[in-house]
Amino acid sequence: MAEAILMIGGMVAGGLVNTVNDSFANVEDTCKALSSAQEELSTMTNKWKKILTTEAKATAQLESFHESITTQGQMIAATSIGLKETFKQKKEASILGFSVAIFIMVLSLLFKYFNVIPNIWNYIVNK
């Protein structure tokens, strides 16, 4: 009977030892997995911080580029308006100059046809 009790006690003790070993093994595995997950989280957090820093720099550069494009567009628009006004003035000056030249030519032809200059000369000299 003592042997039977010892055998039963040994089986119970073995079961307890296995349970404790399994529990500790599971705890160690869980701790290792938790530590690994924390390291992964730390690595991923650092990567995302770098990405966000890079994104912030890129966003700042993009905003600067957008402001430059806007400024350039405004300068081009102002220059275009100035050029249109200059072209309009030059066109009007050319038309006016051409009109004056035509008027002078027609007037001189009329003076020649009606003999106005010699008549005026004769009028001044004969008086």
N, C-alpha and C. Protein backbone atom coordinates (compact mmCIF):
# COMPACT_ATOMS: atom_id res chain seq x y z
N MET A 1 0.79 -1.14 0.00
CA MET A 1 0.00 0.00 0.00
C MET A 1 0.87 1.25 0.00
N ALA A 2 1.91 1.27 0.73
CA ALA A 2 2.82 2.40 0.75
C ALA A 2 3.37 2.65 -0.65
N GLU A 3 3.59 1.56 -1.31
CA GLU A 3 4.11 1.73 -2.66
C GLU A 3 3.07 2.38 -3.55
N ALA A 4 1.84 2.02 -3.34
CA ALA A 4 0.76 2.58 -4.15
C ALA A 4 0.60 4.06 -3.85
N ILE A 5 0.71 4.41 -2.55
CA ILE A 5 0.61 5.81 -2.17
C ILE A 5 1.77 6.57 -2.75
N LEU A 6 2.96 5.98 -2.71
CA LEU A 6 4.13 6.64 -3.29
C LEU A 6 3.97 6.80 -4.80
N MET A 7 3.37 5.80 -5.42
CA MET A 7 3.17 5.90 -6.87
C MET A 7 2.16 7.00 -7.19
N ILE A 8 1.08 7.03 -6.44
CA ILE A 8 0.08 8.06 -6.66
C ILE A 8 0.67 9.42 -6.34
N GLY A 9 1.43 9.50 -5.23
CA GLY A 9 2.09 10.75 -4.85
C GLY A 9 3.07 11.19 -5.93
N GLY A 10 3.80 10.22 -6.49
CA GLY A 10 4.76 10.55 -7.55
C GLY A 10 4.05 11.07 -8.79
N MET A 11 2.90 10.45 -9.12
CA MET A 11 2.15 10.89 -10.27
C MET A 11 1.62 12.31 -10.04
N VAL A 12 1.11 12.56 -8.84
CA VAL A 12 0.59 13.88 -8.53
C VAL A 12 1.72 14.89 -8.54
N ALA A 13 2.86 14.52 -7.92
CA ALA A 13 4.01 15.42 -7.90
C ALA A 13 4.51 15.67 -9.32
N GLY A 14 4.56 14.64 -10.16
CA GLY A 14 4.99 14.80 -11.55
C GLY A 14 4.04 15.72 -12.29
N GLY A 15 2.73 15.55 -12.05
CA GLY A 15 1.75 16.41 -12.68
C GLY A 15 1.93 17.86 -12.26
N LEU A 16 2.16 18.03 -10.95
CA LEU A 16 2.37 19.39 -10.45
C LEU A 16 3.63 20.01 -11.05
N VAL A 17 4.70 19.21 -11.09
CA VAL A 17 5.96 19.72 -11.66
C VAL A 17 5.78 20.07 -13.13
N ASN A 18 5.08 19.21 -13.88
CA ASN A 18 4.83 19.49 -15.29
C ASN A 18 3.98 20.75 -15.45
N THR A 19 2.96 20.88 -14.62
CA THR A 19 2.10 22.05 -14.67
C THR A 19 2.90 23.31 -14.38
N VAL A 20 3.73 23.25 -13.33
CA VAL A 20 4.54 24.41 -12.98
C VAL A 20 5.53 24.72 -14.09
N ASN A 21 6.18 23.67 -14.62
CA ASN A 21 7.12 23.88 -15.74
C ASN A 21 6.42 24.47 -16.95
N ASP A 22 5.23 23.91 -17.29
CA ASP A 22 4.49 24.45 -18.42
C ASP A 22 4.07 25.90 -18.17
N SER A 23 3.66 26.17 -16.94
CA SER A 23 3.25 27.53 -16.60
C SER A 23 4.42 28.48 -16.74
N PHE A 24 5.55 28.09 -16.18
CA PHE A 24 6.73 28.96 -16.29
C PHE A 24 7.21 29.08 -17.74
N ALA A 25 7.14 27.99 -18.49
CA ALA A 25 7.54 28.04 -19.89
C ALA A 25 6.62 28.98 -20.65
N ASN A 26 5.33 28.87 -20.39
CA ASN A 26 4.38 29.75 -21.06
C ASN A 26 4.62 31.20 -20.66
N VAL A 27 4.93 31.43 -19.38
CA VAL A 27 5.19 32.79 -18.91
C VAL A 27 6.45 33.31 -19.59
N GLU A 28 7.50 32.49 -19.67
CA GLU A 28 8.74 32.93 -20.33
C GLU A 28 8.50 33.20 -21.81
N ASP A 29 7.74 32.30 -22.48
CA ASP A 29 7.42 32.52 -23.89
C ASP A 29 6.59 33.79 -24.08
N THR A 30 5.63 33.99 -23.18
CA THR A 30 4.79 35.19 -23.26
C THR A 30 5.63 36.44 -23.01
N CYS A 31 6.54 36.39 -22.05
CA CYS A 31 7.42 37.54 -21.77
C CYS A 31 8.32 37.83 -22.97
N LYS A 32 8.85 36.77 -23.58
CA LYS A 32 9.69 36.97 -24.77
C LYS A 32 8.87 37.56 -25.91
N ALA A 33 7.65 37.05 -26.10
CA ALA A 33 6.79 37.58 -27.15
C ALA A 33 6.42 39.04 -26.87
N LEU A 34 6.14 39.38 -25.60
CA LEU A 34 5.82 40.74 -25.23
C LEU A 34 7.02 41.66 -25.45
N SER A 35 8.19 41.20 -25.06
CA SER A 35 9.42 41.98 -25.27
C SER A 35 9.67 42.20 -26.76
N SER A 36 9.48 41.14 -27.54
CA SER A 36 9.66 41.25 -28.99
C SER A 36 8.64 42.22 -29.58
N ALA A 37 7.39 42.14 -29.11
CA ALA A 37 6.36 43.05 -29.61
C ALA A 37 6.68 44.48 -29.24
N GLN A 38 7.19 44.72 -28.02
CA GLN A 38 7.56 46.07 -27.61
C GLN A 38 8.72 46.60 -28.46
N GLU A 39 9.70 45.74 -28.77
CA GLU A 39 10.81 46.15 -29.64
C GLU A 39 10.29 46.49 -31.04
N GLU A 40 9.38 45.65 -31.56
CA GLU A 40 8.78 45.91 -32.87
C GLU A 40 8.02 47.25 -32.85
N LEU A 41 7.26 47.48 -31.77
CA LEU A 41 6.51 48.72 -31.63
C LEU A 41 7.46 49.91 -31.58
N SER A 42 8.54 49.79 -30.83
CA SER A 42 9.52 50.87 -30.74
C SER A 42 10.16 51.14 -32.10
N THR A 43 10.52 50.08 -32.81
CA THR A 43 11.12 50.22 -34.15
C THR A 43 10.13 50.87 -35.11
N MET A 44 8.88 50.41 -35.08
CA MET A 44 7.88 50.96 -35.97
C MET A 44 7.58 52.42 -35.61
N THR A 45 7.55 52.73 -34.32
CA THR A 45 7.32 54.12 -33.89
C THR A 45 8.44 55.02 -34.40
N ASN A 46 9.68 54.56 -34.29
CA ASN A 46 10.81 55.34 -34.80
C ASN A 46 10.72 55.53 -36.31
N LYS A 47 10.35 54.48 -37.02
CA LYS A 47 10.20 54.59 -38.48
C LYS A 47 9.11 55.60 -38.84
N TRP A 48 7.97 55.52 -38.13
CA TRP A 48 6.88 56.45 -38.42
C TRP A 48 7.26 57.88 -38.06
N LYS A 49 8.02 58.06 -36.98
CA LYS A 49 8.48 59.40 -36.63
C LYS A 49 9.36 59.96 -37.74
N LYS A 50 10.25 59.12 -38.29
CA LYS A 50 11.10 59.56 -39.40
C LYS A 50 10.24 59.89 -40.62
N ILE A 51 9.25 59.03 -40.89
CA ILE A 51 8.37 59.27 -42.04
C ILE A 51 7.60 60.58 -41.85
N LEU A 52 7.08 60.79 -40.65
CA LEU A 52 6.33 62.02 -40.39
C LEU A 52 7.22 63.25 -40.47
N THR A 53 8.47 63.12 -39.98
CA THR A 53 9.42 64.24 -40.09
C THR A 53 9.70 64.54 -41.55
N THR A 54 9.94 63.49 -42.32
CA THR A 54 10.18 63.65 -43.75
C THR A 54 8.94 64.24 -44.43
N GLU A 55 7.77 63.78 -44.01
CA GLU A 55 6.53 64.30 -44.58
C GLU A 55 6.36 65.78 -44.24
N ALA A 56 6.70 66.15 -43.01
CA ALA A 56 6.58 67.56 -42.62
C ALA A 56 7.52 68.42 -43.46
N LYS A 57 8.74 67.92 -43.68
CA LYS A 57 9.69 68.67 -44.52
C LYS A 57 9.16 68.77 -45.95
N ALA A 58 8.65 67.65 -46.46
CA ALA A 58 8.11 67.65 -47.82
C ALA A 58 6.91 68.58 -47.93
N THR A 59 6.07 68.58 -46.90
CA THR A 59 4.91 69.47 -46.91
C THR A 59 5.35 70.93 -46.90
N ALA A 60 6.36 71.23 -46.08
CA ALA A 60 6.87 72.62 -46.03
C ALA A 60 7.45 73.01 -47.39
N GLN A 61 8.20 72.10 -48.00
CA GLN A 61 8.77 72.40 -49.32
C GLN A 61 7.67 72.56 -50.36
N LEU A 62 6.64 71.73 -50.27
CA LEU A 62 5.53 71.83 -51.21
C LEU A 62 4.80 73.15 -51.04
N GLU A 63 4.59 73.57 -49.79
CA GLU A 63 3.94 74.86 -49.56
C GLU A 63 4.80 76.01 -50.09
N SER A 64 6.11 75.91 -49.88
CA SER A 64 7.02 76.94 -50.40
C SER A 64 6.96 76.98 -51.92
N PHE A 65 6.96 75.80 -52.54
CA PHE A 65 6.87 75.71 -54.00
C PHE A 65 5.55 76.30 -54.49
N HIS A 66 4.46 75.99 -53.77
CA HIS A 66 3.14 76.52 -54.15
C HIS A 66 3.12 78.04 -54.05
N GLU A 67 3.71 78.59 -52.98
CA GLU A 67 3.77 80.04 -52.84
C GLU A 67 4.60 80.66 -53.96
N SER A 68 5.71 80.00 -54.32
CA SER A 68 6.55 80.50 -55.41
C SER A 68 5.78 80.50 -56.73
N ILE A 69 5.05 79.43 -56.98
CA ILE A 69 4.26 79.35 -58.21
C ILE A 69 3.20 80.44 -58.23
N THR A 70 2.55 80.65 -57.08
CA THR A 70 1.51 81.69 -57.00
C THR A 70 2.11 83.06 -57.26
N THR A 71 3.25 83.34 -56.63
CA THR A 71 3.92 84.62 -56.83
C THR A 71 4.33 84.78 -58.29
N GLN A 72 4.87 83.74 -58.87
CA GLN A 72 5.29 83.78 -60.27
C GLN A 72 4.09 84.02 -61.17
N GLY A 73 2.98 83.36 -60.89
CA GLY A 73 1.76 83.56 -61.68
C GLY A 73 1.27 84.99 -61.59
N GLN A 74 1.31 85.57 -60.39
CA GLN A 74 0.89 86.96 -60.23
C GLN A 74 1.82 87.90 -60.98
N MET A 75 3.12 87.61 -60.93
CA MET A 75 4.07 88.45 -61.67
C MET A 75 3.83 88.35 -63.17
N ILE A 76 3.57 87.15 -63.66
CA ILE A 76 3.31 86.97 -65.09
C ILE A 76 2.02 87.69 -65.49
N ALA A 77 1.00 87.60 -64.63
CA ALA A 77 -0.27 88.29 -64.93
C ALA A 77 -0.06 89.80 -64.98
N ALA A 78 0.69 90.34 -64.00
CA ALA A 78 0.95 91.79 -63.99
C ALA A 78 1.77 92.20 -65.21
N THR A 79 2.76 91.39 -65.56
CA THR A 79 3.59 91.68 -66.73
C THR A 79 2.75 91.61 -68.01
N SER A 80 1.86 90.63 -68.08
CA SER A 80 1.00 90.51 -69.27
C SER A 80 0.12 91.73 -69.44
N ILE A 81 -0.44 92.21 -68.32
CA ILE A 81 -1.28 93.41 -68.39
C ILE A 81 -0.45 94.59 -68.85
N GLY A 82 0.77 94.73 -68.30
CA GLY A 82 1.66 95.82 -68.73
C GLY A 82 2.02 95.73 -70.20
N LEU A 83 2.30 94.51 -70.66
CA LEU A 83 2.63 94.32 -72.07
C LEU A 83 1.44 94.63 -72.98
N LYS A 84 0.25 94.25 -72.54
CA LYS A 84 -0.94 94.55 -73.34
C LYS A 84 -1.13 96.06 -73.46
N GLU A 85 -0.95 96.76 -72.35
CA GLU A 85 -1.08 98.23 -72.38
C GLU A 85 -0.01 98.86 -73.27
N THR A 86 1.22 98.37 -73.16
CA THR A 86 2.31 98.89 -73.99
C THR A 86 2.02 98.64 -75.46
N PHE A 87 1.56 97.42 -75.78
CA PHE A 87 1.23 97.10 -77.17
C PHE A 87 0.10 97.99 -77.67
N LYS A 88 -0.90 98.22 -76.83
CA LYS A 88 -2.02 99.08 -77.21
C LYS A 88 -1.55 100.50 -77.50
N GLN A 89 -0.66 101.04 -76.65
CA GLN A 89 -0.14 102.38 -76.86
C GLN A 89 0.71 102.44 -78.12
N LYS A 90 1.55 101.42 -78.34
CA LYS A 90 2.38 101.42 -79.55
C LYS A 90 1.52 101.32 -80.80
N LYS A 91 0.45 100.52 -80.73
CA LYS A 91 -0.44 100.38 -81.86
C LYS A 91 -1.13 101.71 -82.16
N GLU A 92 -1.59 102.37 -81.11
CA GLU A 92 -2.24 103.67 -81.31
C GLU A 92 -1.25 104.70 -81.85
N ALA A 93 -0.01 104.67 -81.35
CA ALA A 93 1.01 105.60 -81.84
C ALA A 93 1.32 105.32 -83.31
N SER A 94 1.39 104.05 -83.67
CA SER A 94 1.66 103.70 -85.07
C SER A 94 0.52 104.15 -85.97
N ILE A 95 -0.70 103.92 -85.54
CA ILE A 95 -1.86 104.34 -86.33
C ILE A 95 -1.88 105.86 -86.47
N LEU A 96 -1.61 106.56 -85.36
CA LEU A 96 -1.58 108.02 -85.39
C LEU A 96 -0.48 108.52 -86.32
N GLY A 97 0.71 107.95 -86.23
CA GLY A 97 1.82 108.34 -87.11
C GLY A 97 1.50 108.08 -88.57
N PHE A 98 0.91 106.91 -88.85
CA PHE A 98 0.53 106.58 -90.21
C PHE A 98 -0.54 107.55 -90.72
N SER A 99 -1.50 107.88 -89.84
CA SER A 99 -2.57 108.81 -90.23
C SER A 99 -2.00 110.20 -90.52
N VAL A 100 -1.09 110.67 -89.70
CA VAL A 100 -0.47 111.99 -89.92
C VAL A 100 0.31 111.97 -91.23
N ALA A 101 1.05 110.90 -91.49
CA ALA A 101 1.81 110.80 -92.74
C ALA A 101 0.88 110.83 -93.94
N ILE A 102 -0.20 110.08 -93.89
CA ILE A 102 -1.18 110.08 -94.99
C ILE A 102 -1.79 111.47 -95.16
N PHE A 103 -2.15 112.11 -94.03
CA PHE A 103 -2.74 113.46 -94.09
C PHE A 103 -1.78 114.45 -94.74
N ILE A 104 -0.49 114.37 -94.33
CA ILE A 104 0.51 115.29 -94.91
C ILE A 104 0.68 115.03 -96.40
N MET A 105 0.71 113.76 -96.79
CA MET A 105 0.86 113.44 -98.21
C MET A 105 -0.35 113.95 -99.01
N VAL A 106 -1.55 113.73 -98.50
CA VAL A 106 -2.75 114.19 -99.21
C VAL A 106 -2.77 115.71 -99.27
N LEU A 107 -2.41 116.36 -98.15
CA LEU A 107 -2.39 117.81 -98.12
C LEU A 107 -1.36 118.37 -99.10
N SER A 108 -0.17 117.74 -99.11
CA SER A 108 0.85 118.23 -100.05
C SER A 108 0.43 118.01 -101.51
N LEU A 109 -0.23 116.89 -101.78
CA LEU A 109 -0.72 116.66 -103.15
C LEU A 109 -1.81 117.67 -103.51
N LEU A 110 -2.67 117.98 -102.55
CA LEU A 110 -3.70 118.99 -102.81
C LEU A 110 -3.07 120.37 -103.03
N PHE A 111 -2.08 120.71 -102.21
CA PHE A 111 -1.38 121.99 -102.40
C PHE A 111 -0.72 122.05 -103.77
N LYS A 112 -0.14 120.92 -104.19
CA LYS A 112 0.52 120.90 -105.49
C LYS A 112 -0.52 121.00 -106.61
N TYR A 113 -1.63 120.26 -106.46
CA TYR A 113 -2.65 120.25 -107.48
C TYR A 113 -3.29 121.63 -107.65
N PHE A 114 -3.59 122.27 -106.53
CA PHE A 114 -4.22 123.59 -106.61
C PHE A 114 -3.22 124.74 -106.64
N ASN A 115 -1.97 124.44 -106.73
CA ASN A 115 -0.92 125.44 -106.86
C ASN A 115 -0.97 126.47 -105.71
N VAL A 116 -1.13 125.96 -104.50
CA VAL A 116 -1.35 126.81 -103.34
C VAL A 116 -0.06 127.49 -102.90
N ILE A 117 1.03 126.80 -102.82
CA ILE A 117 2.29 127.38 -102.32
C ILE A 117 2.76 128.52 -103.24
N PRO A 118 2.83 128.31 -104.57
CA PRO A 118 3.23 129.43 -105.42
C PRO A 118 2.26 130.60 -105.34
N ASN A 119 0.97 130.32 -105.20
CA ASN A 119 0.00 131.43 -105.06
C ASN A 119 0.22 132.20 -103.77
N ILE A 120 0.49 131.52 -102.70
CA ILE A 120 0.77 132.19 -101.43
C ILE A 120 2.06 133.01 -101.56
N TRP A 121 3.04 132.47 -102.21
CA TRP A 121 4.31 133.19 -102.41
C TRP A 121 4.11 134.44 -103.23
N ASN A 122 3.39 134.27 -104.29
CA ASN A 122 3.10 135.42 -105.15
C ASN A 122 2.29 136.49 -104.41
N TYR A 123 1.36 136.05 -103.58
CA TYR A 123 0.55 136.98 -102.81
C TYR A 123 1.42 137.78 -101.83
N ILE A 124 2.40 137.08 -101.19
CA ILE A 124 3.28 137.76 -100.23
C ILE A 124 4.25 138.69 -100.96
N VAL A 125 4.80 138.27 -102.06
CA VAL A 125 5.83 139.04 -102.76
C VAL A 125 5.20 140.21 -103.52
N ASN A 126 4.06 140.05 -104.13
CA ASN A 126 3.43 141.08 -104.92
C ASN A 126 2.78 142.17 -104.08
N LYS A 127 2.61 142.00 -102.89
CA LYS A 127 1.99 143.04 -102.07
C LYS A 127 2.92 144.13 -101.87
